[in-house]
């Protein structure tokens, strides 16, 4: 939810209890919103007064050509504010989901679209831990992995370039005994990643239950196809 856009609804007393508390928490640290609330308060008072003055006498039916009174204006504003808050919550939820890849049984976090509402984007993923690189002479694909031992297995961060799209790819962790585990999967759109037309590398992070000491290499494969690059670790 964008707190900045709730100034008018707050001034009119249209926010629901939960949204009102969230906005007041925001208001305590935002001078811009505090100034806008101060400017809107007199107008909000006038509208609330009009609502009381324009109340229909009991038993009087409203006519089709009558202009809306203060009460109807307030109700229209209340419905509009509720719709806008619901729409923003869906945008936030979809934005968060865009950063999570759930393909082929693997779970990983990628780089999501920058948030709306002026919030600074999350910093890009960085390669941490033990770093290993390789370039496949046949495909030209280059990859670097950062490995961090965890109690549950190994955290794997992959920086990948020179991959042409469209394609569906998987990152595979391979143990010293030859056991293969899918770390995560993703779709490569045209023209690709780290190529002319889209020079940005793909940087993603996932995990495998294979312990770091048992990990032999990390492969990047086309699903049901060839290996693009194999990175010994």
Protein backbone atom coordinates (compact mmCIF):
# COMPACT_ATOMS: atom_id res chain seq x y z
CA UNK A 1 0.00 0.00 0.00
CA UNK A 2 1.27 3.51 -0.85
CA UNK A 3 0.99 5.64 2.27
CA UNK A 4 1.55 8.89 0.32
CA UNK A 5 -1.64 8.41 -1.71
CA UNK A 6 -3.81 7.90 1.40
CA UNK A 7 -3.56 11.53 2.54
CA UNK A 8 -6.98 12.53 1.18
CA UNK A 9 -8.74 9.39 2.44
CA UNK A 10 -7.18 9.86 5.90
CA UNK A 11 -8.22 13.52 6.06
CA UNK A 12 -11.81 12.53 5.24
CA UNK A 13 -11.80 9.72 7.80
CA UNK A 14 -12.34 7.12 5.07
CA UNK A 15 -9.56 4.69 5.98
CA UNK A 16 -10.39 1.43 7.67
CA UNK A 17 -8.89 0.86 11.12
CA UNK A 18 -5.87 -1.15 9.94
CA UNK A 19 -5.06 1.30 7.13
CA UNK A 20 -5.53 4.27 9.44
CA UNK A 21 -2.98 2.88 11.92
CA UNK A 22 -0.50 2.16 9.12
CA UNK A 23 -0.90 5.67 7.72
CA UNK A 24 -0.45 7.29 11.13
CA UNK A 25 2.78 5.34 11.61
CA UNK A 26 3.93 6.67 8.22
CA UNK A 27 2.72 10.18 9.03
CA UNK A 28 4.95 10.37 12.13
CA UNK A 29 8.04 10.33 9.92
CA UNK A 30 6.86 12.04 6.72
CA UNK A 31 6.85 15.84 6.70
CA UNK A 32 5.36 15.97 3.20
CA UNK A 33 2.26 14.00 4.17
CA UNK A 34 1.93 15.91 7.44
CA UNK A 35 1.84 19.20 5.51
CA UNK A 36 -0.77 17.85 3.08
CA UNK A 37 -2.98 16.64 5.93
CA UNK A 38 -2.80 20.12 7.49
CA UNK A 39 -3.86 21.68 4.17
CA UNK A 40 -6.73 19.24 3.58
CA UNK A 41 -8.18 19.26 7.10
CA UNK A 42 -10.31 22.45 6.63
CA UNK A 43 -11.81 21.11 3.38
CA UNK A 44 -12.51 17.75 5.01
CA UNK A 45 -14.35 19.54 7.80
CA UNK A 46 -16.53 21.40 5.28
CA UNK A 47 -17.45 18.18 3.48
CA UNK A 48 -18.32 16.44 6.72
CA UNK A 49 -20.50 19.42 7.66
CA UNK A 50 -22.24 19.27 4.29
CA UNK A 51 -22.97 15.62 4.90
CA UNK A 52 -24.89 16.46 8.05
CA UNK A 53 -26.77 19.41 6.47
CA UNK A 54 -27.75 17.44 3.37
CA UNK A 55 -29.23 14.48 5.25
CA UNK A 56 -32.64 13.66 3.70
CA UNK A 57 -35.73 13.92 5.93
CA UNK A 58 -37.13 10.48 6.71
CA UNK A 59 -39.62 9.33 4.09
CA UNK A 60 -38.38 11.65 1.30
CA UNK A 61 -37.27 9.79 -1.83
CA UNK A 62 -34.26 11.21 -3.73
CA UNK A 63 -35.03 12.52 -7.22
CA UNK A 64 -33.12 11.55 -10.33
CA UNK A 65 -32.00 15.11 -11.16
CA UNK A 66 -30.90 16.02 -7.64
CA UNK A 67 -27.18 16.72 -7.29
CA UNK A 68 -25.40 14.47 -4.81
CA UNK A 69 -25.12 15.81 -1.29
CA UNK A 70 -22.15 15.63 1.05
CA UNK A 71 -23.12 12.17 2.31
CA UNK A 72 -23.14 10.69 -1.18
CA UNK A 73 -19.85 12.37 -2.04
CA UNK A 74 -18.30 10.90 1.08
CA UNK A 75 -19.61 7.43 0.25
CA UNK A 76 -18.27 7.69 -3.31
CA UNK A 77 -14.88 8.74 -1.94
CA UNK A 78 -14.97 5.91 0.58
CA UNK A 79 -15.64 3.29 -2.13
CA UNK A 80 -12.94 4.78 -4.38
CA UNK A 81 -10.37 4.75 -1.57
CA UNK A 82 -11.20 1.11 -0.74
CA UNK A 83 -10.83 0.07 -4.40
CA UNK A 84 -7.49 1.87 -4.73
CA UNK A 85 -6.11 0.21 -1.58
CA UNK A 86 -7.17 -3.24 -2.79
CA UNK A 87 -5.59 -2.59 -6.20
CA UNK A 88 -2.30 -1.48 -4.59
CA UNK A 89 -2.21 -4.58 -2.38
CA UNK A 90 -2.56 -6.79 -5.46
CA UNK A 91 0.27 -4.85 -7.18
CA UNK A 92 2.53 -5.34 -4.16
CA UNK A 93 1.70 -9.05 -3.97
CA UNK A 94 2.34 -9.58 -7.68
CA UNK A 95 5.57 -7.61 -7.50
CA UNK A 96 6.82 -9.84 -4.69
CA UNK A 97 5.78 -12.99 -6.56
CA UNK A 98 7.75 -11.85 -9.62
CA UNK A 99 10.97 -12.32 -7.67
CA UNK A 100 10.33 -15.96 -6.80
CA UNK A 101 11.00 -18.77 -9.28
CA UNK A 102 9.29 -22.10 -8.68
CA UNK A 103 10.11 -24.27 -11.70
CA UNK A 104 11.07 -27.95 -11.78
CA UNK A 105 10.96 -28.34 -8.01
CA UNK A 106 13.70 -25.77 -7.38
CA UNK A 107 13.23 -22.68 -5.25
CA UNK A 108 15.23 -19.54 -5.87
CA UNK A 109 15.17 -15.78 -5.67
CA UNK A 110 15.91 -13.61 -8.69
CA UNK A 111 15.94 -9.91 -9.45
CA UNK A 112 12.37 -8.59 -9.37
CA UNK A 113 10.97 -5.49 -11.03
CA UNK A 114 11.62 -2.25 -9.19
CA UNK A 115 8.79 -1.44 -6.76
CA UNK A 116 6.33 1.31 -7.55
CA UNK A 117 5.55 4.10 -5.08
CA UNK A 118 9.12 5.46 -5.30
CA UNK A 119 10.64 2.78 -3.05
CA UNK A 120 14.33 2.17 -3.90
CA UNK A 121 14.86 -1.17 -5.68
CA UNK A 122 16.48 -4.01 -3.79
CA UNK A 123 20.26 -4.22 -4.28
CA UNK A 124 21.36 -6.84 -6.82
CA UNK A 125 22.40 -10.25 -5.58
CA UNK A 126 26.12 -10.56 -4.90
CA UNK A 127 28.31 -13.64 -5.26
CA UNK A 128 29.32 -14.72 -1.77
CA UNK A 129 31.33 -17.57 -0.30
CA UNK A 130 33.64 -19.74 -2.42
CA UNK A 131 33.60 -18.47 -6.02
CA UNK A 132 34.18 -20.72 -9.07
CA UNK A 133 33.92 -19.85 -12.78
CA UNK A 134 33.86 -21.64 -16.13
CA UNK A 135 33.16 -20.94 -19.81
CA UNK A 136 31.99 -23.66 -22.16
CA UNK A 137 34.10 -23.62 -25.36
CA UNK A 138 31.26 -25.06 -27.43
CA UNK A 139 28.28 -22.96 -26.32
CA UNK A 140 30.23 -19.87 -25.24
CA UNK A 141 28.09 -19.66 -22.08
CA UNK A 142 29.97 -18.26 -19.06
CA UNK A 143 28.99 -18.91 -15.48
CA UNK A 144 30.24 -18.08 -11.99
CA UNK A 145 28.87 -19.57 -8.78
CA UNK A 146 29.25 -18.47 -5.17
CA UNK A 147 28.84 -21.30 -2.67
CA UNK A 148 28.04 -20.92 1.02
CA UNK A 149 27.82 -23.94 3.35
CA UNK A 150 24.59 -24.02 5.36
CA UNK A 151 23.21 -26.36 8.00
CA UNK A 152 20.61 -27.52 5.48
CA UNK A 153 23.05 -27.94 2.54
CA UNK A 154 24.61 -25.36 0.21
CA UNK A 155 23.45 -21.91 -0.86
CA UNK A 156 24.22 -21.36 -4.56
CA UNK A 157 24.35 -17.96 -6.29
CA UNK A 158 24.78 -18.06 -10.07
CA UNK A 159 25.96 -15.29 -12.42
CA UNK A 160 25.26 -16.37 -16.01
CA UNK A 161 25.95 -14.71 -19.38
CA UNK A 162 26.14 -15.43 -23.13
CA UNK A 163 22.87 -17.41 -22.96
CA UNK A 164 20.61 -17.09 -26.00
CA UNK A 165 16.82 -17.20 -25.67
CA UNK A 166 14.19 -18.36 -25.82
CA UNK A 167 15.00 -21.35 -23.66
CA UNK A 168 14.02 -23.08 -20.42
CA UNK A 169 17.03 -23.72 -18.22
CA UNK A 170 17.88 -25.50 -14.97
CA UNK A 171 20.73 -25.20 -12.51
CA UNK A 172 21.78 -28.68 -11.38
CA UNK A 173 23.92 -29.48 -8.33
CA UNK A 174 25.99 -32.63 -8.88
CA UNK A 175 27.50 -34.54 -5.95
CA UNK A 176 30.82 -36.38 -5.90
CA UNK A 177 28.88 -39.66 -6.25
CA UNK A 178 27.05 -38.39 -9.37
CA UNK A 179 23.75 -37.58 -7.66
CA UNK A 180 21.97 -34.72 -9.48
CA UNK A 181 19.61 -32.28 -7.75
CA UNK A 182 17.71 -29.44 -9.43
CA UNK A 183 18.55 -26.22 -7.61
CA UNK A 184 16.14 -24.05 -9.60
CA UNK A 185 14.74 -23.40 -13.06
CA UNK A 186 13.90 -20.33 -15.14
CA UNK A 187 12.85 -19.12 -18.57
CA UNK A 188 15.23 -17.16 -20.81
CA UNK A 189 13.40 -14.66 -23.00
CA UNK A 190 14.60 -13.44 -26.38
CA UNK A 191 17.33 -12.29 -27.05
CA UNK A 192 18.86 -13.82 -23.90
CA UNK A 193 21.06 -12.81 -20.96
CA UNK A 194 24.49 -11.21 -21.27
CA UNK A 195 24.14 -10.93 -25.05
CA UNK A 196 23.85 -8.04 -27.55
CA UNK A 197 20.45 -6.47 -27.10
CA UNK A 198 20.36 -7.50 -23.43
CA UNK A 199 23.83 -7.19 -21.88
CA UNK A 200 22.69 -7.67 -18.27
CA UNK A 201 23.73 -10.97 -16.72
CA UNK A 202 21.26 -13.27 -15.06
CA UNK A 203 21.96 -13.43 -11.30
CA UNK A 204 19.89 -15.89 -9.28
CA UNK A 205 20.17 -17.65 -5.94
CA UNK A 206 18.89 -20.99 -4.71
CA UNK A 207 19.91 -23.91 -2.56
CA UNK A 208 20.57 -27.63 -2.57
CA UNK A 209 20.48 -30.22 0.18
CA UNK A 210 23.86 -31.57 -1.02
CA UNK A 211 26.48 -30.48 1.56
CA UNK A 212 29.23 -28.19 0.32
CA UNK A 213 31.89 -30.84 1.00
CA UNK A 214 30.01 -33.33 -1.21
CA UNK A 215 29.41 -30.94 -4.13
CA UNK A 216 31.46 -31.66 -7.26
CA UNK A 217 30.09 -29.25 -9.86
CA UNK A 218 27.19 -27.05 -10.86
CA UNK A 219 25.67 -27.54 -14.32
CA UNK A 220 23.39 -25.22 -16.28
CA UNK A 221 21.26 -27.29 -18.65
CA UNK A 222 18.57 -26.66 -21.20
CA UNK A 223 15.56 -28.65 -19.97
CA UNK A 224 15.54 -31.97 -21.84
CA UNK A 225 18.55 -30.74 -23.78
CA UNK A 226 22.27 -30.15 -23.64
CA UNK A 227 24.46 -28.74 -20.91
CA UNK A 228 25.27 -25.05 -21.51
CA UNK A 229 28.09 -24.82 -18.99
CA UNK A 230 29.53 -27.03 -16.27
CA UNK A 231 31.30 -25.32 -13.35
CA UNK A 232 33.66 -27.53 -11.28
CA UNK A 233 33.67 -26.61 -7.61
